[in-house]
Amino acid sequence: FGAIMDIRHKDKTGYLLFIGVWLKIAHEQYYGASEQVA
């Protein structure tokens, strides 16, 4: 939500945040979660 609102308000960091969160999720789905966090 925050990333999308940044994008809506012409803040370019919103694009980085939006892409970043989906890359993180994709990484987790493919490689699994961090053992350290677990």
PDB file of all heavy atoms in Angstrom:
ATOM      1  N   PHE A   1       0.832  -1.206   0.000  1.00  0.00           N
ATOM      2  CA  PHE A   1       0.000   0.000   0.000  1.00  0.00           C
ATOM      3  C   PHE A   1       0.867   1.257   0.000  1.00  0.00           C
ATOM      4  O   PHE A   1       0.637   2.181  -0.786  1.00  0.00           O
ATOM      5  CB  PHE A   1      -0.923   0.000   1.226  1.00  0.00           C
ATOM      6  CG  PHE A   1      -1.655   1.295   1.441  1.00  0.00           C
ATOM      7  CD1 PHE A   1      -2.754   1.626   0.669  1.00  0.00           C
ATOM      8  CD2 PHE A   1      -1.237   2.185   2.430  1.00  0.00           C
ATOM      9  CE1 PHE A   1      -3.435   2.830   0.874  1.00  0.00           C
ATOM     10  CE2 PHE A   1      -1.904   3.384   2.637  1.00  0.00           C
ATOM     11  CZ  PHE A   1      -3.010   3.702   1.858  1.00  0.00           C
ATOM     12  N   GLY A   2       1.860   1.304   0.876  1.00  0.00           N
ATOM     13  CA  GLY A   2       2.730   2.474   0.951  1.00  0.00           C
ATOM     14  C   GLY A   2       3.476   2.724  -0.343  1.00  0.00           C
ATOM     15  O   GLY A   2       3.593   3.872  -0.800  1.00  0.00           O
ATOM     16  N   ALA A   3       3.971   1.645  -0.950  1.00  0.00           N
ATOM     17  CA  ALA A   3       4.703   1.789  -2.220  1.00  0.00           C
ATOM     18  C   ALA A   3       3.787   2.340  -3.312  1.00  0.00           C
ATOM     19  O   ALA A   3       4.184   3.222  -4.083  1.00  0.00           O
ATOM     20  CB  ALA A   3       5.278   0.439  -2.636  1.00  0.00           C
ATOM     21  N   ILE A   4       2.565   1.827  -3.373  1.00  0.00           N
ATOM     22  CA  ILE A   4       1.620   2.290  -4.395  1.00  0.00           C
ATOM     23  C   ILE A   4       1.226   3.747  -4.163  1.00  0.00           C
ATOM     24  O   ILE A   4       1.091   4.531  -5.112  1.00  0.00           O
ATOM     25  CB  ILE A   4       0.386   1.369  -4.431  1.00  0.00           C
ATOM     26  CG1 ILE A   4       0.778   0.015  -5.028  1.00  0.00           C
ATOM     27  CG2 ILE A   4      -0.759   1.997  -5.228  1.00  0.00           C
ATOM     28  CD1 ILE A   4      -0.317  -1.023  -5.013  1.00  0.00           C
ATOM     29  N   MET A   5       1.065   4.131  -2.915  1.00  0.00           N
ATOM     30  CA  MET A   5       0.738   5.527  -2.627  1.00  0.00           C
ATOM     31  C   MET A   5       1.913   6.448  -2.980  1.00  0.00           C
ATOM     32  O   MET A   5       1.702   7.567  -3.464  1.00  0.00           O
ATOM     33  CB  MET A   5       0.350   5.677  -1.152  1.00  0.00           C
ATOM     34  CG  MET A   5      -0.956   4.978  -0.795  1.00  0.00           C
ATOM     35  SD  MET A   5      -2.373   5.516  -1.799  1.00  0.00           S
ATOM     36  CE  MET A   5      -2.620   7.172  -1.152  1.00  0.00           C
ATOM     37  N   ASP A   6       3.135   5.976  -2.750  1.00  0.00           N
ATOM     38  CA  ASP A   6       4.301   6.744  -3.197  1.00  0.00           C
ATOM     39  C   ASP A   6       4.244   6.960  -4.707  1.00  0.00           C
ATOM     40  O   ASP A   6       4.464   8.076  -5.206  1.00  0.00           O
ATOM     41  CB  ASP A   6       5.595   5.994  -2.858  1.00  0.00           C
ATOM     42  CG  ASP A   6       6.111   6.307  -1.461  1.00  0.00           C
ATOM     43  OD1 ASP A   6       5.653   7.288  -0.860  1.00  0.00           O
ATOM     44  OD2 ASP A   6       6.981   5.556  -0.983  1.00  0.00           O
ATOM     45  N   ILE A   7       3.975   5.896  -5.441  1.00  0.00           N
ATOM     46  CA  ILE A   7       3.893   5.976  -6.902  1.00  0.00           C
ATOM     47  C   ILE A   7       2.810   6.961  -7.321  1.00  0.00           C
ATOM     48  O   ILE A   7       3.011   7.800  -8.217  1.00  0.00           O
ATOM     49  CB  ILE A   7       3.628   4.578  -7.504  1.00  0.00           C
ATOM     50  CG1 ILE A   7       4.850   3.673  -7.291  1.00  0.00           C
ATOM     51  CG2 ILE A   7       3.290   4.679  -8.996  1.00  0.00           C
ATOM     52  CD1 ILE A   7       4.607   2.211  -7.594  1.00  0.00           C
ATOM     53  N   ARG A   8       1.677   6.891  -6.676  1.00  0.00           N
ATOM     54  CA  ARG A   8       0.561   7.787  -6.995  1.00  0.00           C
ATOM     55  C   ARG A   8       0.933   9.252  -6.764  1.00  0.00           C
ATOM     56  O   ARG A   8       0.452  10.143  -7.466  1.00  0.00           O
ATOM     57  CB  ARG A   8      -0.667   7.416  -6.165  1.00  0.00           C
ATOM     58  CG  ARG A   8      -1.918   8.205  -6.509  1.00  0.00           C
ATOM     59  CD  ARG A   8      -3.138   7.681  -5.768  1.00  0.00           C
ATOM     60  NE  ARG A   8      -4.335   8.367  -6.219  1.00  0.00           N
ATOM     61  CZ  ARG A   8      -4.797   9.499  -5.678  1.00  0.00           C
ATOM     62  NH1 ARG A   8      -4.158  10.051  -4.654  1.00  0.00           N
ATOM     63  NH2 ARG A   8      -5.891  10.072  -6.148  1.00  0.00           N
ATOM     64  N   HIS A   9       1.806   9.489  -5.785  1.00  0.00           N
ATOM     65  CA  HIS A   9       2.224  10.847  -5.468  1.00  0.00           C
ATOM     66  C   HIS A   9       3.555  11.223  -6.138  1.00  0.00           C
ATOM     67  O   HIS A   9       4.260  12.122  -5.687  1.00  0.00           O
ATOM     68  CB  HIS A   9       2.323  11.023  -3.951  1.00  0.00           C
ATOM     69  CG  HIS A   9       0.991  11.105  -3.279  1.00  0.00           C
ATOM     70  ND1 HIS A   9       0.238   9.972  -2.974  1.00  0.00           N
ATOM     71  CD2 HIS A   9       0.251  12.173  -2.870  1.00  0.00           C
ATOM     72  CE1 HIS A   9      -0.886  10.349  -2.401  1.00  0.00           C
ATOM     73  NE2 HIS A   9      -0.915  11.670  -2.331  1.00  0.00           N
ATOM     74  N   LYS A  10       3.879  10.483  -7.222  1.00  0.00           N
ATOM     75  CA  LYS A  10       5.045  10.797  -8.066  1.00  0.00           C
ATOM     76  C   LYS A  10       6.386  10.665  -7.339  1.00  0.00           C
ATOM     77  O   LYS A  10       7.366  11.308  -7.703  1.00  0.00           O
ATOM     78  CB  LYS A  10       4.936  12.217  -8.645  1.00  0.00           C
ATOM     79  CG  LYS A  10       3.593  12.580  -9.238  1.00  0.00           C
ATOM     80  CD  LYS A  10       3.209  11.690 -10.392  1.00  0.00           C
ATOM     81  CE  LYS A  10       1.878  12.138 -11.008  1.00  0.00           C
ATOM     82  NZ  LYS A  10       1.390  11.199 -12.033  1.00  0.00           N
ATOM     83  N   ASP A  11       6.428   9.833  -6.310  1.00  0.00           N
ATOM     84  CA  ASP A  11       7.689   9.571  -5.605  1.00  0.00           C
ATOM     85  C   ASP A  11       8.315   8.323  -6.228  1.00  0.00           C
ATOM     86  O   ASP A  11       7.783   7.219  -6.105  1.00  0.00           O
ATOM     87  CB  ASP A  11       7.420   9.349  -4.113  1.00  0.00           C
ATOM     88  CG  ASP A  11       8.697   9.256  -3.296  1.00  0.00           C
ATOM     89  OD1 ASP A  11       9.763   8.937  -3.880  1.00  0.00           O
ATOM     90  OD2 ASP A  11       8.637   9.477  -2.076  1.00  0.00           O
ATOM     91  N   LYS A  12       9.447   8.510  -6.891  1.00  0.00           N
ATOM     92  CA  LYS A  12      10.057   7.412  -7.649  1.00  0.00           C
ATOM     93  C   LYS A  12      10.516   6.251  -6.768  1.00  0.00           C
ATOM     94  O   LYS A  12      10.642   5.124  -7.243  1.00  0.00           O
ATOM     95  CB  LYS A  12      11.234   7.941  -8.465  1.00  0.00           C
ATOM     96  CG  LYS A  12      10.799   8.886  -9.586  1.00  0.00           C
ATOM     97  CD  LYS A  12      11.989   9.405 -10.367  1.00  0.00           C
ATOM     98  CE  LYS A  12      11.535  10.359 -11.458  1.00  0.00           C
ATOM     99  NZ  LYS A  12      12.677  10.920 -12.219  1.00  0.00           N
ATOM    100  N   THR A  13      10.772   6.515  -5.490  1.00  0.00           N
ATOM    101  CA  THR A  13      11.175   5.416  -4.606  1.00  0.00           C
ATOM    102  C   THR A  13      10.062   4.388  -4.466  1.00  0.00           C
ATOM    103  O   THR A  13      10.317   3.230  -4.124  1.00  0.00           O
ATOM    104  CB  THR A  13      11.567   5.936  -3.209  1.00  0.00           C
ATOM    105  OG1 THR A  13      10.459   6.637  -2.636  1.00  0.00           O
ATOM    106  CG2 THR A  13      12.772   6.845  -3.283  1.00  0.00           C
ATOM    107  N   GLY A  14       8.830   4.811  -4.735  1.00  0.00           N
ATOM    108  CA  GLY A  14       7.707   3.877  -4.674  1.00  0.00           C
ATOM    109  C   GLY A  14       7.877   2.713  -5.633  1.00  0.00           C
ATOM    110  O   GLY A  14       7.544   1.566  -5.301  1.00  0.00           O
ATOM    111  N   TYR A  15       8.418   3.006  -6.820  1.00  0.00           N
ATOM    112  CA  TYR A  15       8.645   1.931  -7.793  1.00  0.00           C
ATOM    113  C   TYR A  15       9.671   0.929  -7.270  1.00  0.00           C
ATOM    114  O   TYR A  15       9.506  -0.280  -7.424  1.00  0.00           O
ATOM    115  CB  TYR A  15       9.120   2.521  -9.127  1.00  0.00           C
ATOM    116  CG  TYR A  15       8.087   3.339  -9.849  1.00  0.00           C
ATOM    117  CD1 TYR A  15       8.107   4.731  -9.794  1.00  0.00           C
ATOM    118  CD2 TYR A  15       7.076   2.722 -10.596  1.00  0.00           C
ATOM    119  CE1 TYR A  15       7.150   5.491 -10.461  1.00  0.00           C
ATOM    120  CE2 TYR A  15       6.124   3.474 -11.263  1.00  0.00           C
ATOM    121  CZ  TYR A  15       6.163   4.853 -11.191  1.00  0.00           C
ATOM    122  OH  TYR A  15       5.213   5.591 -11.848  1.00  0.00           O
ATOM    123  N   LEU A  16      10.736   1.450  -6.646  1.00  0.00           N
ATOM    124  CA  LEU A  16      11.765   0.572  -6.098  1.00  0.00           C
ATOM    125  C   LEU A  16      11.201  -0.299  -4.981  1.00  0.00           C
ATOM    126  O   LEU A  16      11.492  -1.497  -4.907  1.00  0.00           O
ATOM    127  CB  LEU A  16      12.942   1.407  -5.570  1.00  0.00           C
ATOM    128  CG  LEU A  16      13.734   2.193  -6.612  1.00  0.00           C
ATOM    129  CD1 LEU A  16      14.786   3.059  -5.922  1.00  0.00           C
ATOM    130  CD2 LEU A  16      14.397   1.241  -7.600  1.00  0.00           C
ATOM    131  N   LEU A  17      10.407   0.309  -4.112  1.00  0.00           N
ATOM    132  CA  LEU A  17       9.805  -0.437  -3.009  1.00  0.00           C
ATOM    133  C   LEU A  17       8.839  -1.495  -3.529  1.00  0.00           C
ATOM    134  O   LEU A  17       8.818  -2.642  -3.042  1.00  0.00           O
ATOM    135  CB  LEU A  17       9.066   0.515  -2.059  1.00  0.00           C
ATOM    136  CG  LEU A  17       9.941   1.499  -1.277  1.00  0.00           C
ATOM    137  CD1 LEU A  17       9.080   2.496  -0.516  1.00  0.00           C
ATOM    138  CD2 LEU A  17      10.871   0.756  -0.322  1.00  0.00           C
ATOM    139  N   PHE A  18       8.037  -1.129  -4.524  1.00  0.00           N
ATOM    140  CA  PHE A  18       7.049  -2.054  -5.067  1.00  0.00           C
ATOM    141  C   PHE A  18       7.725  -3.249  -5.733  1.00  0.00           C
ATOM    142  O   PHE A  18       7.365  -4.401  -5.490  1.00  0.00           O
ATOM    143  CB  PHE A  18       6.149  -1.317  -6.070  1.00  0.00           C
ATOM    144  CG  PHE A  18       4.996  -2.142  -6.560  1.00  0.00           C
ATOM    145  CD1 PHE A  18       3.858  -2.296  -5.792  1.00  0.00           C
ATOM    146  CD2 PHE A  18       5.046  -2.770  -7.806  1.00  0.00           C
ATOM    147  CE1 PHE A  18       2.781  -3.061  -6.242  1.00  0.00           C
ATOM    148  CE2 PHE A  18       3.988  -3.539  -8.261  1.00  0.00           C
ATOM    149  CZ  PHE A  18       2.839  -3.680  -7.476  1.00  0.00           C
ATOM    150  N   ILE A  19       8.711  -2.958  -6.565  1.00  0.00           N
ATOM    151  CA  ILE A  19       9.444  -4.039  -7.231  1.00  0.00           C
ATOM    152  C   ILE A  19      10.197  -4.883  -6.201  1.00  0.00           C
ATOM    153  O   ILE A  19      10.215  -6.114  -6.262  1.00  0.00           O
ATOM    154  CB  ILE A  19      10.413  -3.471  -8.289  1.00  0.00           C
ATOM    155  CG1 ILE A  19       9.623  -2.826  -9.435  1.00  0.00           C
ATOM    156  CG2 ILE A  19      11.339  -4.560  -8.827  1.00  0.00           C
ATOM    157  CD1 ILE A  19      10.457  -1.988 -10.377  1.00  0.00           C
ATOM    158  N   GLY A  20      10.799  -4.201  -5.230  1.00  0.00           N
ATOM    159  CA  GLY A  20      11.590  -4.889  -4.223  1.00  0.00           C
ATOM    160  C   GLY A  20      10.797  -5.890  -3.403  1.00  0.00           C
ATOM    161  O   GLY A  20      11.265  -7.007  -3.153  1.00  0.00           O
ATOM    162  N   VAL A  21       9.581  -5.509  -2.995  1.00  0.00           N
ATOM    163  CA  VAL A  21       8.793  -6.413  -2.152  1.00  0.00           C
ATOM    164  C   VAL A  21       8.366  -7.657  -2.927  1.00  0.00           C
ATOM    165  O   VAL A  21       8.371  -8.772  -2.401  1.00  0.00           O
ATOM    166  CB  VAL A  21       7.576  -5.683  -1.523  1.00  0.00           C
ATOM    167  CG1 VAL A  21       6.492  -5.380  -2.553  1.00  0.00           C
ATOM    168  CG2 VAL A  21       6.997  -6.517  -0.372  1.00  0.00           C
ATOM    169  N   TRP A  22       8.061  -7.486  -4.230  1.00  0.00           N
ATOM    170  CA  TRP A  22       7.664  -8.648  -5.027  1.00  0.00           C
ATOM    171  C   TRP A  22       8.859  -9.533  -5.364  1.00  0.00           C
ATOM    172  O   TRP A  22       8.716 -10.763  -5.445  1.00  0.00           O
ATOM    173  CB  TRP A  22       6.921  -8.205  -6.295  1.00  0.00           C
ATOM    174  CG  TRP A  22       5.590  -7.602  -5.959  1.00  0.00           C
ATOM    175  CD1 TRP A  22       5.227  -6.291  -6.037  1.00  0.00           C
ATOM    176  CD2 TRP A  22       4.439  -8.291  -5.443  1.00  0.00           C
ATOM    177  NE1 TRP A  22       3.942  -6.113  -5.613  1.00  0.00           N
ATOM    178  CE2 TRP A  22       3.423  -7.321  -5.248  1.00  0.00           C
ATOM    179  CE3 TRP A  22       4.166  -9.623  -5.142  1.00  0.00           C
ATOM    180  CZ2 TRP A  22       2.156  -7.648  -4.754  1.00  0.00           C
ATOM    181  CZ3 TRP A  22       2.901  -9.954  -4.646  1.00  0.00           C
ATOM    182  CH2 TRP A  22       1.922  -8.989  -4.451  1.00  0.00           C
ATOM    183  N   LEU A  23      10.039  -8.938  -5.534  1.00  0.00           N
ATOM    184  CA  LEU A  23      11.247  -9.746  -5.728  1.00  0.00           C
ATOM    185  C   LEU A  23      11.560 -10.553  -4.469  1.00  0.00           C
ATOM    186  O   LEU A  23      11.963 -11.715  -4.546  1.00  0.00           O
ATOM    187  CB  LEU A  23      12.435  -8.859  -6.089  1.00  0.00           C
ATOM    188  CG  LEU A  23      12.450  -8.277  -7.506  1.00  0.00           C
ATOM    189  CD1 LEU A  23      13.633  -7.333  -7.683  1.00  0.00           C
ATOM    190  CD2 LEU A  23      12.495  -9.397  -8.546  1.00  0.00           C
ATOM    191  N   LYS A  24      11.386  -9.931  -3.308  1.00  0.00           N
ATOM    192  CA  LYS A  24      11.592 -10.634  -2.032  1.00  0.00           C
ATOM    193  C   LYS A  24      10.642 -11.825  -1.921  1.00  0.00           C
ATOM    194  O   LYS A  24      11.045 -12.937  -1.552  1.00  0.00           O
ATOM    195  CB  LYS A  24      11.367  -9.685  -0.865  1.00  0.00           C
ATOM    196  CG  LYS A  24      11.391 -10.383   0.505  1.00  0.00           C
ATOM    197  CD  LYS A  24      10.914  -9.453   1.601  1.00  0.00           C
ATOM    198  CE  LYS A  24      10.887 -10.151   2.959  1.00  0.00           C
ATOM    199  NZ  LYS A  24       9.825 -11.160   3.065  1.00  0.00           N
ATOM    200  N   ILE A  25       9.377 -11.591  -2.243  1.00  0.00           N
ATOM    201  CA  ILE A  25       8.379 -12.660  -2.156  1.00  0.00           C
ATOM    202  C   ILE A  25       8.701 -13.773  -3.151  1.00  0.00           C
ATOM    203  O   ILE A  25       8.614 -14.963  -2.817  1.00  0.00           O
ATOM    204  CB  ILE A  25       6.962 -12.081  -2.397  1.00  0.00           C
ATOM    205  CG1 ILE A  25       6.559 -11.204  -1.202  1.00  0.00           C
ATOM    206  CG2 ILE A  25       5.943 -13.189  -2.620  1.00  0.00           C
ATOM    207  CD1 ILE A  25       5.323 -10.373  -1.439  1.00  0.00           C
ATOM    208  N   ALA A  26       9.086 -13.391  -4.363  1.00  0.00           N
ATOM    209  CA  ALA A  26       9.446 -14.398  -5.375  1.00  0.00           C
ATOM    210  C   ALA A  26      10.654 -15.213  -4.918  1.00  0.00           C
ATOM    211  O   ALA A  26      10.694 -16.442  -5.097  1.00  0.00           O
ATOM    212  CB  ALA A  26       9.741 -13.711  -6.709  1.00  0.00           C
ATOM    213  N   HIS A  27      11.635 -14.546  -4.323  1.00  0.00           N
ATOM    214  CA  HIS A  27      12.824 -15.237  -3.810  1.00  0.00           C
ATOM    215  C   HIS A  27      12.433 -16.248  -2.736  1.00  0.00           C
ATOM    216  O   HIS A  27      12.915 -17.387  -2.719  1.00  0.00           O
ATOM    217  CB  HIS A  27      13.809 -14.204  -3.260  1.00  0.00           C
ATOM    218  CG  HIS A  27      15.097 -14.812  -2.763  1.00  0.00           C
ATOM    219  ND1 HIS A  27      15.232 -15.314  -1.479  1.00  0.00           N
ATOM    220  CD2 HIS A  27      16.292 -14.998  -3.382  1.00  0.00           C
ATOM    221  CE1 HIS A  27      16.460 -15.784  -1.322  1.00  0.00           C
ATOM    222  NE2 HIS A  27      17.122 -15.609  -2.456  1.00  0.00           N
ATOM    223  N   GLU A  28      11.549 -15.831  -1.839  1.00  0.00           N
ATOM    224  CA  GLU A  28      11.084 -16.741  -0.789  1.00  0.00           C
ATOM    225  C   GLU A  28      10.342 -17.935  -1.367  1.00  0.00           C
ATOM    226  O   GLU A  28      10.517 -19.073  -0.905  1.00  0.00           O
ATOM    227  CB  GLU A  28      10.163 -15.993   0.179  1.00  0.00           C
ATOM    228  CG  GLU A  28      10.853 -15.005   1.080  1.00  0.00           C
ATOM    229  CD  GLU A  28       9.894 -14.260   1.984  1.00  0.00           C
ATOM    230  OE1 GLU A  28       8.687 -14.193   1.657  1.00  0.00           O
ATOM    231  OE2 GLU A  28      10.340 -13.726   3.007  1.00  0.00           O
ATOM    232  N   GLN A  29       9.506 -17.674  -2.361  1.00  0.00           N
ATOM    233  CA  GLN A  29       8.726 -18.759  -2.950  1.00  0.00           C
ATOM    234  C   GLN A  29       9.624 -19.768  -3.661  1.00  0.00           C
ATOM    235  O   GLN A  29       9.346 -20.969  -3.658  1.00  0.00           O
ATOM    236  CB  GLN A  29       7.691 -18.191  -3.932  1.00  0.00           C
ATOM    237  CG  GLN A  29       6.548 -17.439  -3.282  1.00  0.00           C
ATOM    238  CD  GLN A  29       5.628 -18.347  -2.496  1.00  0.00           C
ATOM    239  OE1 GLN A  29       5.250 -19.430  -2.933  1.00  0.00           O
ATOM    240  NE2 GLN A  29       5.256 -17.910  -1.292  1.00  0.00           N
ATOM    241  N   TYR A  30      10.704 -19.275  -4.241  1.00  0.00           N
ATOM    242  CA  TYR A  30      11.593 -20.160  -5.013  1.00  0.00           C
ATOM    243  C   TYR A  30      12.639 -20.840  -4.131  1.00  0.00           C
ATOM    244  O   TYR A  30      12.890 -22.035  -4.261  1.00  0.00           O
ATOM    245  CB  TYR A  30      12.277 -19.363  -6.122  1.00  0.00           C
ATOM    246  CG  TYR A  30      13.023 -20.225  -7.110  1.00  0.00           C
ATOM    247  CD1 TYR A  30      12.342 -20.928  -8.108  1.00  0.00           C
ATOM    248  CD2 TYR A  30      14.410 -20.346  -7.043  1.00  0.00           C
ATOM    249  CE1 TYR A  30      13.021 -21.728  -9.009  1.00  0.00           C
ATOM    250  CE2 TYR A  30      15.103 -21.151  -7.936  1.00  0.00           C
ATOM    251  CZ  TYR A  30      14.403 -21.839  -8.915  1.00  0.00           C
ATOM    252  OH  TYR A  30      15.085 -22.645  -9.804  1.00  0.00           O
ATOM    253  N   TYR A  31      13.247 -20.046  -3.232  1.00  0.00           N
ATOM    254  CA  TYR A  31      14.365 -20.563  -2.440  1.00  0.00           C
ATOM    255  C   TYR A  31      13.987 -20.924  -1.004  1.00  0.00           C
ATOM    256  O   TYR A  31      14.766 -21.571  -0.297  1.00  0.00           O
ATOM    257  CB  TYR A  31      15.509 -19.540  -2.400  1.00  0.00           C
ATOM    258  CG  TYR A  31      16.169 -19.330  -3.731  1.00  0.00           C
ATOM    259  CD1 TYR A  31      15.932 -18.181  -4.479  1.00  0.00           C
ATOM    260  CD2 TYR A  31      17.045 -20.276  -4.263  1.00  0.00           C
ATOM    261  CE1 TYR A  31      16.546 -17.965  -5.705  1.00  0.00           C
ATOM    262  CE2 TYR A  31      17.664 -20.080  -5.494  1.00  0.00           C
ATOM    263  CZ  TYR A  31      17.416 -18.923  -6.205  1.00  0.00           C
ATOM    264  OH  TYR A  31      18.022 -18.726  -7.422  1.00  0.00           O
ATOM    265  N   GLY A  32      12.823 -20.485  -0.573  1.00  0.00           N
ATOM    266  CA  GLY A  32      12.427 -20.732   0.816  1.00  0.00           C
ATOM    267  C   GLY A  32      12.852 -19.583   1.721  1.00  0.00           C
ATOM    268  O   GLY A  32      13.517 -18.637   1.299  1.00  0.00           O
ATOM    269  N   ALA A  33      12.463 -19.705   2.985  1.00  0.00           N
ATOM    270  CA  ALA A  33      12.718 -18.633   3.944  1.00  0.00           C
ATOM    271  C   ALA A  33      14.124 -18.729   4.524  1.00  0.00           C
ATOM    272  O   ALA A  33      14.775 -19.767   4.451  1.00  0.00           O
ATOM    273  CB  ALA A  33      11.686 -18.705   5.064  1.00  0.00           C
ATOM    274  N   SER A  34      14.556 -17.646   5.110  1.00  0.00           N
ATOM    275  CA  SER A  34      15.861 -17.596   5.779  1.00  0.00           C
ATOM    276  C   SER A  34      15.852 -18.476   7.027  1.00  0.00           C
ATOM    277  O   SER A  34      14.962 -18.362   7.874  1.00  0.00           O
ATOM    278  CB  SER A  34      16.176 -16.149   6.171  1.00  0.00           C
ATOM    279  OG  SER A  34      17.217 -16.096   7.107  1.00  0.00           O
ATOM    280  N   GLU A  35      16.850 -19.344   7.124  1.00  0.00           N
ATOM    281  CA  GLU A  35      16.970 -20.186   8.313  1.00  0.00           C
ATOM    282  C   GLU A  35      17.281 -19.356   9.553  1.00  0.00           C
ATOM    283  O   GLU A  35      16.860 -19.701  10.656  1.00  0.00           O
ATOM    284  CB  GLU A  35      18.062 -21.238   8.099  1.00  0.00           C
ATOM    285  CG  GLU A  35      17.686 -22.329   7.102  1.00  0.00           C
ATOM    286  CD  GLU A  35      18.743 -23.424   7.017  1.00  0.00           C
ATOM    287  OE1 GLU A  35      19.607 -23.470   7.935  1.00  0.00           O
ATOM    288  OE2 GLU A  35      18.703 -24.195   6.060  1.00  0.00           O
ATOM    289  N   GLN A  36      18.007 -18.276   9.368  1.00  0.00           N
ATOM    290  CA  GLN A  36      18.339 -17.410  10.501  1.00  0.00           C
ATOM    291  C   GLN A  36      17.087 -16.802  11.115  1.00  0.00           C
ATOM    292  O   GLN A  36      16.944 -16.750  12.337  1.00  0.00           O
ATOM    293  CB  GLN A  36      19.290 -16.296  10.056  1.00  0.00           C
ATOM    294  CG  GLN A  36      20.686 -16.800   9.703  1.00  0.00           C
ATOM    295  CD  GLN A  36      21.590 -15.684   9.219  1.00  0.00           C
ATOM    296  OE1 GLN A  36      21.141 -14.751   8.565  1.00  0.00           O
ATOM    297  NE2 GLN A  36      22.878 -15.792   9.532  1.00  0.00           N
ATOM    298  N   VAL A  37      16.168 -16.355  10.266  1.00  0.00           N
ATOM    299  CA  VAL A  37      14.914 -15.786  10.774  1.00  0.00           C
ATOM    300  C   VAL A  37      14.096 -16.869  11.465  1.00  0.00           C
ATOM    301  O   VAL A  37      13.525 -16.636  12.536  1.00  0.00           O
ATOM    302  CB  VAL A  37      14.102 -15.132   9.632  1.00  0.00           C
ATOM    303  CG1 VAL A  37      12.745 -14.661  10.147  1.00  0.00           C
ATOM    304  CG2 VAL A  37      14.867 -13.963   9.032  1.00  0.00           C
ATOM    305  N   ALA A  38      14.040 -18.041  10.876  1.00  0.00           N
ATOM    306  CA  ALA A  38      13.304 -19.155  11.482  1.00  0.00           C
ATOM    307  C   ALA A  38      13.846 -19.472  12.870  1.00  0.00           C
ATOM    308  O   ALA A  38      13.082 -19.735  13.807  1.00  0.00           O
ATOM    309  CB  ALA A  38      13.372 -20.382  10.581  1.00  0.00           C
TER     310      ALA A  38
END
